[in-house]
Amino acid sequence: RTYVNIFIVFFVSGIWHGANWTFLLW
């Protein structure tokens, strides 16, 4: 669950940075 939570945080961070698949994958 810790690993999943970490991944979710960075997934959200990618979305926050910009509306492009490049940011999401980053």
mmCIF file of all heavy atoms, coordinates in Angstrom:
data_MODEL
# 
_entry.id   MODEL 
# 
loop_
_atom_site.group_PDB 
_atom_site.id 
_atom_site.type_symbol 
_atom_site.label_atom_id 
_atom_site.label_alt_id 
_atom_site.label_comp_id 
_atom_site.label_asym_id 
_atom_site.label_entity_id 
_atom_site.label_seq_id 
_atom_site.pdbx_PDB_ins_code 
_atom_site.Cartn_x 
_atom_site.Cartn_y 
_atom_site.Cartn_z 
_atom_site.occupancy 
_atom_site.B_iso_or_equiv 
_atom_site.pdbx_formal_charge 
_atom_site.auth_seq_id 
_atom_site.auth_comp_id 
_atom_site.auth_asym_id 
_atom_site.auth_atom_id 
_atom_site.pdbx_PDB_model_num 
ATOM 1   N N   . ARG A 1 1  ? 0.828  -1.195 0.000   1.00 0.00 ? 1  ARG A N   1 
ATOM 2   C CA  . ARG A 1 1  ? 0.000  0.000  0.000   1.00 0.00 ? 1  ARG A CA  1 
ATOM 3   C C   . ARG A 1 1  ? 0.875  1.263  0.000   1.00 0.00 ? 1  ARG A C   1 
ATOM 4   O O   . ARG A 1 1  ? 0.536  2.266  -0.644  1.00 0.00 ? 1  ARG A O   1 
ATOM 5   C CB  . ARG A 1 1  ? -0.922 -0.009 1.217   1.00 0.00 ? 1  ARG A CB  1 
ATOM 6   C CG  . ARG A 1 1  ? -1.878 1.170  1.282   1.00 0.00 ? 1  ARG A CG  1 
ATOM 7   C CD  . ARG A 1 1  ? -2.821 1.223  0.085   1.00 0.00 ? 1  ARG A CD  1 
ATOM 8   N NE  . ARG A 1 1  ? -3.702 2.373  0.158   1.00 0.00 ? 1  ARG A NE  1 
ATOM 9   C CZ  . ARG A 1 1  ? -4.879 2.358  0.765   1.00 0.00 ? 1  ARG A CZ  1 
ATOM 10  N NH1 . ARG A 1 1  ? -5.329 1.235  1.342   1.00 0.00 ? 1  ARG A NH1 1 
ATOM 11  N NH2 . ARG A 1 1  ? -5.630 3.429  0.782   1.00 0.00 ? 1  ARG A NH2 1 
ATOM 12  N N   . THR A 1 2  ? 2.012  1.222  0.681   1.00 0.00 ? 2  THR A N   1 
ATOM 13  C CA  . THR A 1 2  ? 2.943  2.354  0.675   1.00 0.00 ? 2  THR A CA  1 
ATOM 14  C C   . THR A 1 2  ? 3.437  2.632  -0.732  1.00 0.00 ? 2  THR A C   1 
ATOM 15  O O   . THR A 1 2  ? 3.461  3.783  -1.184  1.00 0.00 ? 2  THR A O   1 
ATOM 16  C CB  . THR A 1 2  ? 4.139  2.078  1.602   1.00 0.00 ? 2  THR A CB  1 
ATOM 17  O OG1 . THR A 1 2  ? 3.674  1.902  2.938   1.00 0.00 ? 2  THR A OG1 1 
ATOM 18  C CG2 . THR A 1 2  ? 5.137  3.228  1.559   1.00 0.00 ? 2  THR A CG2 1 
ATOM 19  N N   . TYR A 1 3  ? 3.808  1.564  -1.448  1.00 0.00 ? 3  TYR A N   1 
ATOM 20  C CA  . TYR A 1 3  ? 4.310  1.731  -2.812  1.00 0.00 ? 3  TYR A CA  1 
ATOM 21  C C   . TYR A 1 3  ? 3.220  2.279  -3.731  1.00 0.00 ? 3  TYR A C   1 
ATOM 22  O O   . TYR A 1 3  ? 3.484  3.144  -4.588  1.00 0.00 ? 3  TYR A O   1 
ATOM 23  C CB  . TYR A 1 3  ? 4.835  0.405  -3.356  1.00 0.00 ? 3  TYR A CB  1 
ATOM 24  C CG  . TYR A 1 3  ? 5.933  -0.214 -2.526  1.00 0.00 ? 3  TYR A CG  1 
ATOM 25  C CD1 . TYR A 1 3  ? 6.077  -1.600 -2.433  1.00 0.00 ? 3  TYR A CD1 1 
ATOM 26  C CD2 . TYR A 1 3  ? 6.829  0.578  -1.812  1.00 0.00 ? 3  TYR A CD2 1 
ATOM 27  C CE1 . TYR A 1 3  ? 7.075  -2.176 -1.671  1.00 0.00 ? 3  TYR A CE1 1 
ATOM 28  C CE2 . TYR A 1 3  ? 7.832  0.020  -1.033  1.00 0.00 ? 3  TYR A CE2 1 
ATOM 29  C CZ  . TYR A 1 3  ? 7.952  -1.366 -0.971  1.00 0.00 ? 3  TYR A CZ  1 
ATOM 30  O OH  . TYR A 1 3  ? 8.946  -1.933 -0.200  1.00 0.00 ? 3  TYR A OH  1 
ATOM 31  N N   . VAL A 1 4  ? 2.003  1.801  -3.548  1.00 0.00 ? 4  VAL A N   1 
ATOM 32  C CA  . VAL A 1 4  ? 0.884  2.301  -4.348  1.00 0.00 ? 4  VAL A CA  1 
ATOM 33  C C   . VAL A 1 4  ? 0.647  3.782  -4.058  1.00 0.00 ? 4  VAL A C   1 
ATOM 34  O O   . VAL A 1 4  ? 0.441  4.591  -4.977  1.00 0.00 ? 4  VAL A O   1 
ATOM 35  C CB  . VAL A 1 4  ? -0.400 1.484  -4.071  1.00 0.00 ? 4  VAL A CB  1 
ATOM 36  C CG1 . VAL A 1 4  ? -1.610 2.151  -4.734  1.00 0.00 ? 4  VAL A CG1 1 
ATOM 37  C CG2 . VAL A 1 4  ? -0.248 0.056  -4.569  1.00 0.00 ? 4  VAL A CG2 1 
ATOM 38  N N   . ASN A 1 5  ? 0.708  4.157  -2.793  1.00 0.00 ? 5  ASN A N   1 
ATOM 39  C CA  . ASN A 1 5  ? 0.496  5.553  -2.414  1.00 0.00 ? 5  ASN A CA  1 
ATOM 40  C C   . ASN A 1 5  ? 1.569  6.463  -3.001  1.00 0.00 ? 5  ASN A C   1 
ATOM 41  O O   . ASN A 1 5  ? 1.280  7.577  -3.453  1.00 0.00 ? 5  ASN A O   1 
ATOM 42  C CB  . ASN A 1 5  ? 0.464  5.692  -0.894  1.00 0.00 ? 5  ASN A CB  1 
ATOM 43  C CG  . ASN A 1 5  ? -0.758 5.038  -0.277  1.00 0.00 ? 5  ASN A CG  1 
ATOM 44  O OD1 . ASN A 1 5  ? -1.741 4.767  -0.959  1.00 0.00 ? 5  ASN A OD1 1 
ATOM 45  N ND2 . ASN A 1 5  ? -0.704 4.785  1.023   1.00 0.00 ? 5  ASN A ND2 1 
ATOM 46  N N   . ILE A 1 6  ? 2.813  5.996  -2.975  1.00 0.00 ? 6  ILE A N   1 
ATOM 47  C CA  . ILE A 1 6  ? 3.905  6.777  -3.566  1.00 0.00 ? 6  ILE A CA  1 
ATOM 48  C C   . ILE A 1 6  ? 3.655  6.983  -5.053  1.00 0.00 ? 6  ILE A C   1 
ATOM 49  O O   . ILE A 1 6  ? 3.802  8.096  -5.584  1.00 0.00 ? 6  ILE A O   1 
ATOM 50  C CB  . ILE A 1 6  ? 5.263  6.070  -3.339  1.00 0.00 ? 6  ILE A CB  1 
ATOM 51  C CG1 . ILE A 1 6  ? 5.641  6.114  -1.861  1.00 0.00 ? 6  ILE A CG1 1 
ATOM 52  C CG2 . ILE A 1 6  ? 6.362  6.715  -4.179  1.00 0.00 ? 6  ILE A CG2 1 
ATOM 53  C CD1 . ILE A 1 6  ? 6.859  5.273  -1.519  1.00 0.00 ? 6  ILE A CD1 1 
ATOM 54  N N   . PHE A 1 7  ? 3.267  5.908  -5.730  1.00 0.00 ? 7  PHE A N   1 
ATOM 55  C CA  . PHE A 1 7  ? 3.023  6.006  -7.171  1.00 0.00 ? 7  PHE A CA  1 
ATOM 56  C C   . PHE A 1 7  ? 1.870  6.976  -7.461  1.00 0.00 ? 7  PHE A C   1 
ATOM 57  O O   . PHE A 1 7  ? 1.946  7.771  -8.395  1.00 0.00 ? 7  PHE A O   1 
ATOM 58  C CB  . PHE A 1 7  ? 2.711  4.630  -7.752  1.00 0.00 ? 7  PHE A CB  1 
ATOM 59  C CG  . PHE A 1 7  ? 2.507  4.650  -9.246  1.00 0.00 ? 7  PHE A CG  1 
ATOM 60  C CD1 . PHE A 1 7  ? 3.597  4.643  -10.100 1.00 0.00 ? 7  PHE A CD1 1 
ATOM 61  C CD2 . PHE A 1 7  ? 1.232  4.689  -9.787  1.00 0.00 ? 7  PHE A CD2 1 
ATOM 62  C CE1 . PHE A 1 7  ? 3.419  4.683  -11.475 1.00 0.00 ? 7  PHE A CE1 1 
ATOM 63  C CE2 . PHE A 1 7  ? 1.041  4.723  -11.154 1.00 0.00 ? 7  PHE A CE2 1 
ATOM 64  C CZ  . PHE A 1 7  ? 2.144  4.720  -12.005 1.00 0.00 ? 7  PHE A CZ  1 
ATOM 65  N N   . ILE A 1 8  ? 0.818  6.921  -6.657  1.00 0.00 ? 8  ILE A N   1 
ATOM 66  C CA  . ILE A 1 8  ? -0.321 7.820  -6.852  1.00 0.00 ? 8  ILE A CA  1 
ATOM 67  C C   . ILE A 1 8  ? 0.112  9.278  -6.719  1.00 0.00 ? 8  ILE A C   1 
ATOM 68  O O   . ILE A 1 8  ? -0.305 10.139 -7.505  1.00 0.00 ? 8  ILE A O   1 
ATOM 69  C CB  . ILE A 1 8  ? -1.454 7.494  -5.849  1.00 0.00 ? 8  ILE A CB  1 
ATOM 70  C CG1 . ILE A 1 8  ? -2.096 6.151  -6.194  1.00 0.00 ? 8  ILE A CG1 1 
ATOM 71  C CG2 . ILE A 1 8  ? -2.510 8.600  -5.849  1.00 0.00 ? 8  ILE A CG2 1 
ATOM 72  C CD1 . ILE A 1 8  ? -3.108 5.679  -5.168  1.00 0.00 ? 8  ILE A CD1 1 
ATOM 73  N N   . VAL A 1 9  ? 0.944  9.560  -5.725  1.00 0.00 ? 9  VAL A N   1 
ATOM 74  C CA  . VAL A 1 9  ? 1.425  10.929 -5.515  1.00 0.00 ? 9  VAL A CA  1 
ATOM 75  C C   . VAL A 1 9  ? 2.138  11.444 -6.757  1.00 0.00 ? 9  VAL A C   1 
ATOM 76  O O   . VAL A 1 9  ? 1.898  12.575 -7.211  1.00 0.00 ? 9  VAL A O   1 
ATOM 77  C CB  . VAL A 1 9  ? 2.346  10.996 -4.280  1.00 0.00 ? 9  VAL A CB  1 
ATOM 78  C CG1 . VAL A 1 9  ? 3.144  12.305 -4.277  1.00 0.00 ? 9  VAL A CG1 1 
ATOM 79  C CG2 . VAL A 1 9  ? 1.542  10.884 -3.001  1.00 0.00 ? 9  VAL A CG2 1 
ATOM 80  N N   . PHE A 1 10 ? 3.015  10.633 -7.331  1.00 0.00 ? 10 PHE A N   1 
ATOM 81  C CA  . PHE A 1 10 ? 3.759  11.090 -8.505  1.00 0.00 ? 10 PHE A CA  1 
ATOM 82  C C   . PHE A 1 10 ? 2.891  11.115 -9.757  1.00 0.00 ? 10 PHE A C   1 
ATOM 83  O O   . PHE A 1 10 ? 3.120  11.939 -10.658 1.00 0.00 ? 10 PHE A O   1 
ATOM 84  C CB  . PHE A 1 10 ? 5.009  10.224 -8.700  1.00 0.00 ? 10 PHE A CB  1 
ATOM 85  C CG  . PHE A 1 10 ? 6.122  10.619 -7.781  1.00 0.00 ? 10 PHE A CG  1 
ATOM 86  C CD1 . PHE A 1 10 ? 6.312  9.956  -6.579  1.00 0.00 ? 10 PHE A CD1 1 
ATOM 87  C CD2 . PHE A 1 10 ? 6.955  11.676 -8.088  1.00 0.00 ? 10 PHE A CD2 1 
ATOM 88  C CE1 . PHE A 1 10 ? 7.322  10.336 -5.703  1.00 0.00 ? 10 PHE A CE1 1 
ATOM 89  C CE2 . PHE A 1 10 ? 7.970  12.069 -7.226  1.00 0.00 ? 10 PHE A CE2 1 
ATOM 90  C CZ  . PHE A 1 10 ? 8.148  11.393 -6.033  1.00 0.00 ? 10 PHE A CZ  1 
ATOM 91  N N   . PHE A 1 11 ? 1.909  10.247 -9.806  1.00 0.00 ? 11 PHE A N   1 
ATOM 92  C CA  . PHE A 1 11 ? 0.943  10.291 -10.896 1.00 0.00 ? 11 PHE A CA  1 
ATOM 93  C C   . PHE A 1 11 ? 0.187  11.617 -10.859 1.00 0.00 ? 11 PHE A C   1 
ATOM 94  O O   . PHE A 1 11 ? 0.040  12.303 -11.880 1.00 0.00 ? 11 PHE A O   1 
ATOM 95  C CB  . PHE A 1 11 ? -0.026 9.106  -10.777 1.00 0.00 ? 11 PHE A CB  1 
ATOM 96  C CG  . PHE A 1 11 ? -1.061 9.043  -11.860 1.00 0.00 ? 11 PHE A CG  1 
ATOM 97  C CD1 . PHE A 1 11 ? -0.752 8.490  -13.103 1.00 0.00 ? 11 PHE A CD1 1 
ATOM 98  C CD2 . PHE A 1 11 ? -2.338 9.532  -11.646 1.00 0.00 ? 11 PHE A CD2 1 
ATOM 99  C CE1 . PHE A 1 11 ? -1.704 8.434  -14.104 1.00 0.00 ? 11 PHE A CE1 1 
ATOM 100 C CE2 . PHE A 1 11 ? -3.299 9.477  -12.637 1.00 0.00 ? 11 PHE A CE2 1 
ATOM 101 C CZ  . PHE A 1 11 ? -2.981 8.927  -13.879 1.00 0.00 ? 11 PHE A CZ  1 
ATOM 102 N N   . VAL A 1 12 ? -0.272 12.011 -9.676  1.00 0.00 ? 12 VAL A N   1 
ATOM 103 C CA  . VAL A 1 12 ? -0.973 13.289 -9.509  1.00 0.00 ? 12 VAL A CA  1 
ATOM 104 C C   . VAL A 1 12 ? -0.030 14.455 -9.794  1.00 0.00 ? 12 VAL A C   1 
ATOM 105 O O   . VAL A 1 12 ? -0.417 15.457 -10.407 1.00 0.00 ? 12 VAL A O   1 
ATOM 106 C CB  . VAL A 1 12 ? -1.572 13.394 -8.091  1.00 0.00 ? 12 VAL A CB  1 
ATOM 107 C CG1 . VAL A 1 12 ? -2.185 14.776 -7.856  1.00 0.00 ? 12 VAL A CG1 1 
ATOM 108 C CG2 . VAL A 1 12 ? -2.621 12.314 -7.870  1.00 0.00 ? 12 VAL A CG2 1 
ATOM 109 N N   . SER A 1 13 ? 1.223  14.324 -9.376  1.00 0.00 ? 13 SER A N   1 
ATOM 110 C CA  . SER A 1 13 ? 2.211  15.373 -9.631  1.00 0.00 ? 13 SER A CA  1 
ATOM 111 C C   . SER A 1 13 ? 2.403  15.576 -11.129 1.00 0.00 ? 13 SER A C   1 
ATOM 112 O O   . SER A 1 13 ? 2.517  16.714 -11.601 1.00 0.00 ? 13 SER A O   1 
ATOM 113 C CB  . SER A 1 13 ? 3.548  15.014 -8.977  1.00 0.00 ? 13 SER A CB  1 
ATOM 114 O OG  . SER A 1 13 ? 4.542  15.971 -9.291  1.00 0.00 ? 13 SER A OG  1 
ATOM 115 N N   . GLY A 1 14 ? 2.437  14.487 -11.881 1.00 0.00 ? 14 GLY A N   1 
ATOM 116 C CA  . GLY A 1 14 ? 2.565  14.600 -13.331 1.00 0.00 ? 14 GLY A CA  1 
ATOM 117 C C   . GLY A 1 14 ? 1.386  15.345 -13.931 1.00 0.00 ? 14 GLY A C   1 
ATOM 118 O O   . GLY A 1 14 ? 1.561  16.220 -14.787 1.00 0.00 ? 14 GLY A O   1 
ATOM 119 N N   . ILE A 1 15 ? 0.178  15.021 -13.474 1.00 0.00 ? 15 ILE A N   1 
ATOM 120 C CA  . ILE A 1 15 ? -1.022 15.710 -13.958 1.00 0.00 ? 15 ILE A CA  1 
ATOM 121 C C   . ILE A 1 15 ? -0.965 17.189 -13.589 1.00 0.00 ? 15 ILE A C   1 
ATOM 122 O O   . ILE A 1 15 ? -1.310 18.062 -14.398 1.00 0.00 ? 15 ILE A O   1 
ATOM 123 C CB  . ILE A 1 15 ? -2.285 15.059 -13.367 1.00 0.00 ? 15 ILE A CB  1 
ATOM 124 C CG1 . ILE A 1 15 ? -2.432 13.616 -13.880 1.00 0.00 ? 15 ILE A CG1 1 
ATOM 125 C CG2 . ILE A 1 15 ? -3.531 15.873 -13.716 1.00 0.00 ? 15 ILE A CG2 1 
ATOM 126 C CD1 . ILE A 1 15 ? -3.557 12.852 -13.220 1.00 0.00 ? 15 ILE A CD1 1 
ATOM 127 N N   . TRP A 1 16 ? -0.530 17.498 -12.361 1.00 0.00 ? 16 TRP A N   1 
ATOM 128 C CA  . TRP A 1 16 ? -0.462 18.881 -11.907 1.00 0.00 ? 16 TRP A CA  1 
ATOM 129 C C   . TRP A 1 16 ? 0.443  19.723 -12.799 1.00 0.00 ? 16 TRP A C   1 
ATOM 130 O O   . TRP A 1 16 ? 0.162  20.895 -13.073 1.00 0.00 ? 16 TRP A O   1 
ATOM 131 C CB  . TRP A 1 16 ? 0.050  18.932 -10.468 1.00 0.00 ? 16 TRP A CB  1 
ATOM 132 C CG  . TRP A 1 16 ? 0.187  20.315 -9.914  1.00 0.00 ? 16 TRP A CG  1 
ATOM 133 C CD1 . TRP A 1 16 ? -0.783 21.059 -9.299  1.00 0.00 ? 16 TRP A CD1 1 
ATOM 134 C CD2 . TRP A 1 16 ? 1.354  21.136 -9.924  1.00 0.00 ? 16 TRP A CD2 1 
ATOM 135 N NE1 . TRP A 1 16 ? -0.281 22.286 -8.928  1.00 0.00 ? 16 TRP A NE1 1 
ATOM 136 C CE2 . TRP A 1 16 ? 1.019  22.364 -9.301  1.00 0.00 ? 16 TRP A CE2 1 
ATOM 137 C CE3 . TRP A 1 16 ? 2.655  20.963 -10.404 1.00 0.00 ? 16 TRP A CE3 1 
ATOM 138 C CZ2 . TRP A 1 16 ? 1.945  23.388 -9.148  1.00 0.00 ? 16 TRP A CZ2 1 
ATOM 139 C CZ3 . TRP A 1 16 ? 3.575  21.989 -10.254 1.00 0.00 ? 16 TRP A CZ3 1 
ATOM 140 C CH2 . TRP A 1 16 ? 3.229  23.189 -9.627  1.00 0.00 ? 16 TRP A CH2 1 
ATOM 141 N N   . HIS A 1 17 ? 1.536  19.134 -13.285 1.00 0.00 ? 17 HIS A N   1 
ATOM 142 C CA  . HIS A 1 17 ? 2.512  19.904 -14.045 1.00 0.00 ? 17 HIS A CA  1 
ATOM 143 C C   . HIS A 1 17 ? 2.014  20.308 -15.425 1.00 0.00 ? 17 HIS A C   1 
ATOM 144 O O   . HIS A 1 17 ? 2.503  21.297 -15.987 1.00 0.00 ? 17 HIS A O   1 
ATOM 145 C CB  . HIS A 1 17 ? 3.827  19.129 -14.168 1.00 0.00 ? 17 HIS A CB  1 
ATOM 146 C CG  . HIS A 1 17 ? 4.730  19.283 -12.986 1.00 0.00 ? 17 HIS A CG  1 
ATOM 147 N ND1 . HIS A 1 17 ? 4.629  18.491 -11.866 1.00 0.00 ? 17 HIS A ND1 1 
ATOM 148 C CD2 . HIS A 1 17 ? 5.730  20.166 -12.728 1.00 0.00 ? 17 HIS A CD2 1 
ATOM 149 C CE1 . HIS A 1 17 ? 5.539  18.861 -10.981 1.00 0.00 ? 17 HIS A CE1 1 
ATOM 150 N NE2 . HIS A 1 17 ? 6.214  19.881 -11.472 1.00 0.00 ? 17 HIS A NE2 1 
ATOM 151 N N   . GLY A 1 18 ? 1.091  19.579 -15.997 1.00 0.00 ? 18 GLY A N   1 
ATOM 152 C CA  . GLY A 1 18 ? 0.628  20.004 -17.311 1.00 0.00 ? 18 GLY A CA  1 
ATOM 153 C C   . GLY A 1 18 ? -0.345 19.043 -17.954 1.00 0.00 ? 18 GLY A C   1 
ATOM 154 O O   . GLY A 1 18 ? -0.411 17.859 -17.612 1.00 0.00 ? 18 GLY A O   1 
ATOM 155 N N   . ALA A 1 19 ? -1.107 19.571 -18.919 1.00 0.00 ? 19 ALA A N   1 
ATOM 156 C CA  . ALA A 1 19 ? -2.118 18.781 -19.630 1.00 0.00 ? 19 ALA A CA  1 
ATOM 157 C C   . ALA A 1 19 ? -1.503 18.197 -20.893 1.00 0.00 ? 19 ALA A C   1 
ATOM 158 O O   . ALA A 1 19 ? -1.741 18.668 -22.010 1.00 0.00 ? 19 ALA A O   1 
ATOM 159 C CB  . ALA A 1 19 ? -3.322 19.658 -19.960 1.00 0.00 ? 19 ALA A CB  1 
ATOM 160 N N   . ASN A 1 20 ? -0.694 17.192 -20.713 1.00 0.00 ? 20 ASN A N   1 
ATOM 161 C CA  . ASN A 1 20 ? -0.041 16.523 -21.840 1.00 0.00 ? 20 ASN A CA  1 
ATOM 162 C C   . ASN A 1 20 ? 0.381  15.136 -21.366 1.00 0.00 ? 20 ASN A C   1 
ATOM 163 O O   . ASN A 1 20 ? 0.768  14.955 -20.202 1.00 0.00 ? 20 ASN A O   1 
ATOM 164 C CB  . ASN A 1 20 ? 1.179  17.337 -22.305 1.00 0.00 ? 20 ASN A CB  1 
ATOM 165 C CG  . ASN A 1 20 ? 1.693  16.880 -23.653 1.00 0.00 ? 20 ASN A CG  1 
ATOM 166 O OD1 . ASN A 1 20 ? 1.799  15.685 -23.929 1.00 0.00 ? 20 ASN A OD1 1 
ATOM 167 N ND2 . ASN A 1 20 ? 2.011  17.838 -24.507 1.00 0.00 ? 20 ASN A ND2 1 
ATOM 168 N N   . TRP A 1 21 ? 0.326  14.171 -22.264 1.00 0.00 ? 21 TRP A N   1 
ATOM 169 C CA  . TRP A 1 21 ? 0.732  12.812 -21.892 1.00 0.00 ? 21 TRP A CA  1 
ATOM 170 C C   . TRP A 1 21 ? 2.194  12.753 -21.480 1.00 0.00 ? 21 TRP A C   1 
ATOM 171 O O   . TRP A 1 21 ? 2.599  11.864 -20.732 1.00 0.00 ? 21 TRP A O   1 
ATOM 172 C CB  . TRP A 1 21 ? 0.473  11.854 -23.045 1.00 0.00 ? 21 TRP A CB  1 
ATOM 173 C CG  . TRP A 1 21 ? -0.976 11.502 -23.192 1.00 0.00 ? 21 TRP A CG  1 
ATOM 174 C CD1 . TRP A 1 21 ? -1.858 11.962 -24.114 1.00 0.00 ? 21 TRP A CD1 1 
ATOM 175 C CD2 . TRP A 1 21 ? -1.718 10.609 -22.347 1.00 0.00 ? 21 TRP A CD2 1 
ATOM 176 N NE1 . TRP A 1 21 ? -3.104 11.433 -23.906 1.00 0.00 ? 21 TRP A NE1 1 
ATOM 177 C CE2 . TRP A 1 21 ? -3.047 10.602 -22.836 1.00 0.00 ? 21 TRP A CE2 1 
ATOM 178 C CE3 . TRP A 1 21 ? -1.396 9.841  -21.235 1.00 0.00 ? 21 TRP A CE3 1 
ATOM 179 C CZ2 . TRP A 1 21 ? -4.043 9.830  -22.233 1.00 0.00 ? 21 TRP A CZ2 1 
ATOM 180 C CZ3 . TRP A 1 21 ? -2.390 9.078  -20.638 1.00 0.00 ? 21 TRP A CZ3 1 
ATOM 181 C CH2 . TRP A 1 21 ? -3.691 9.073  -21.129 1.00 0.00 ? 21 TRP A CH2 1 
ATOM 182 N N   . THR A 1 22 ? 3.008  13.686 -21.959 1.00 0.00 ? 22 THR A N   1 
ATOM 183 C CA  . THR A 1 22 ? 4.421  13.701 -21.569 1.00 0.00 ? 22 THR A CA  1 
ATOM 184 C C   . THR A 1 22 ? 4.564  13.938 -20.065 1.00 0.00 ? 22 THR A C   1 
ATOM 185 O O   . THR A 1 22 ? 5.382  13.299 -19.403 1.00 0.00 ? 22 THR A O   1 
ATOM 186 C CB  . THR A 1 22 ? 5.182  14.792 -22.335 1.00 0.00 ? 22 THR A CB  1 
ATOM 187 O OG1 . THR A 1 22 ? 4.528  16.060 -22.144 1.00 0.00 ? 22 THR A OG1 1 
ATOM 188 C CG2 . THR A 1 22 ? 5.224  14.481 -23.824 1.00 0.00 ? 22 THR A CG2 1 
ATOM 189 N N   . PHE A 1 23 ? 3.769  14.859 -19.514 1.00 0.00 ? 23 PHE A N   1 
ATOM 190 C CA  . PHE A 1 23 ? 3.832  15.128 -18.075 1.00 0.00 ? 23 PHE A CA  1 
ATOM 191 C C   . PHE A 1 23 ? 3.302  13.934 -17.276 1.00 0.00 ? 23 PHE A C   1 
ATOM 192 O O   . PHE A 1 23 ? 3.843  13.602 -16.217 1.00 0.00 ? 23 PHE A O   1 
ATOM 193 C CB  . PHE A 1 23 ? 3.021  16.374 -17.735 1.00 0.00 ? 23 PHE A CB  1 
ATOM 194 C CG  . PHE A 1 23 ? 3.570  17.640 -18.320 1.00 0.00 ? 23 PHE A CG  1 
ATOM 195 C CD1 . PHE A 1 23 ? 2.854  18.363 -19.260 1.00 0.00 ? 23 PHE A CD1 1 
ATOM 196 C CD2 . PHE A 1 23 ? 4.814  18.125 -17.934 1.00 0.00 ? 23 PHE A CD2 1 
ATOM 197 C CE1 . PHE A 1 23 ? 3.361  19.538 -19.800 1.00 0.00 ? 23 PHE A CE1 1 
ATOM 198 C CE2 . PHE A 1 23 ? 5.330  19.289 -18.467 1.00 0.00 ? 23 PHE A CE2 1 
ATOM 199 C CZ  . PHE A 1 23 ? 4.595  19.991 -19.409 1.00 0.00 ? 23 PHE A CZ  1 
ATOM 200 N N   . LEU A 1 24 ? 2.256  13.331 -17.788 1.00 0.00 ? 24 LEU A N   1 
ATOM 201 C CA  . LEU A 1 24 ? 1.680  12.172 -17.107 1.00 0.00 ? 24 LEU A CA  1 
ATOM 202 C C   . LEU A 1 24 ? 2.692  11.036 -17.027 1.00 0.00 ? 24 LEU A C   1 
ATOM 203 O O   . LEU A 1 24 ? 2.913  10.442 -15.960 1.00 0.00 ? 24 LEU A O   1 
ATOM 204 C CB  . LEU A 1 24 ? 0.421  11.721 -17.844 1.00 0.00 ? 24 LEU A CB  1 
ATOM 205 C CG  . LEU A 1 24 ? -0.444 10.665 -17.161 1.00 0.00 ? 24 LEU A CG  1 
ATOM 206 C CD1 . LEU A 1 24 ? -1.015 11.192 -15.859 1.00 0.00 ? 24 LEU A CD1 1 
ATOM 207 C CD2 . LEU A 1 24 ? -1.568 10.228 -18.088 1.00 0.00 ? 24 LEU A CD2 1 
ATOM 208 N N   . LEU A 1 25 ? 3.337  10.728 -18.140 1.00 0.00 ? 25 LEU A N   1 
ATOM 209 C CA  . LEU A 1 25 ? 4.334  9.654  -18.155 1.00 0.00 ? 25 LEU A CA  1 
ATOM 210 C C   . LEU A 1 25 ? 5.578  10.027 -17.361 1.00 0.00 ? 25 LEU A C   1 
ATOM 211 O O   . LEU A 1 25 ? 6.208  9.167  -16.736 1.00 0.00 ? 25 LEU A O   1 
ATOM 212 C CB  . LEU A 1 25 ? 4.705  9.303  -19.599 1.00 0.00 ? 25 LEU A CB  1 
ATOM 213 C CG  . LEU A 1 25 ? 3.581  8.657  -20.426 1.00 0.00 ? 25 LEU A CG  1 
ATOM 214 C CD1 . LEU A 1 25 ? 4.077  8.339  -21.832 1.00 0.00 ? 25 LEU A CD1 1 
ATOM 215 C CD2 . LEU A 1 25 ? 3.073  7.387  -19.756 1.00 0.00 ? 25 LEU A CD2 1 
ATOM 216 N N   . TRP A 1 26 ? 5.923  11.321 -17.378 1.00 0.00 ? 26 TRP A N   1 
ATOM 217 C CA  . TRP A 1 26 ? 7.052  11.780 -16.557 1.00 0.00 ? 26 TRP A CA  1 
ATOM 218 C C   . TRP A 1 26 ? 6.772  11.538 -15.081 1.00 0.00 ? 26 TRP A C   1 
ATOM 219 O O   . TRP A 1 26 ? 7.641  11.067 -14.339 1.00 0.00 ? 26 TRP A O   1 
ATOM 220 C CB  . TRP A 1 26 ? 7.290  13.267 -16.828 1.00 0.00 ? 26 TRP A CB  1 
ATOM 221 C CG  . TRP A 1 26 ? 8.244  13.926 -15.886 1.00 0.00 ? 26 TRP A CG  1 
ATOM 222 C CD1 . TRP A 1 26 ? 9.603  13.909 -15.940 1.00 0.00 ? 26 TRP A CD1 1 
ATOM 223 C CD2 . TRP A 1 26 ? 7.896  14.701 -14.722 1.00 0.00 ? 26 TRP A CD2 1 
ATOM 224 N NE1 . TRP A 1 26 ? 10.129 14.633 -14.889 1.00 0.00 ? 26 TRP A NE1 1 
ATOM 225 C CE2 . TRP A 1 26 ? 9.107  15.125 -14.133 1.00 0.00 ? 26 TRP A CE2 1 
ATOM 226 C CE3 . TRP A 1 26 ? 6.690  15.076 -14.140 1.00 0.00 ? 26 TRP A CE3 1 
ATOM 227 C CZ2 . TRP A 1 26 ? 9.133  15.907 -12.978 1.00 0.00 ? 26 TRP A CZ2 1 
ATOM 228 C CZ3 . TRP A 1 26 ? 6.716  15.851 -12.990 1.00 0.00 ? 26 TRP A CZ3 1 
ATOM 229 C CH2 . TRP A 1 26 ? 7.928  16.264 -12.424 1.00 0.00 ? 26 TRP A CH2 1 
# 
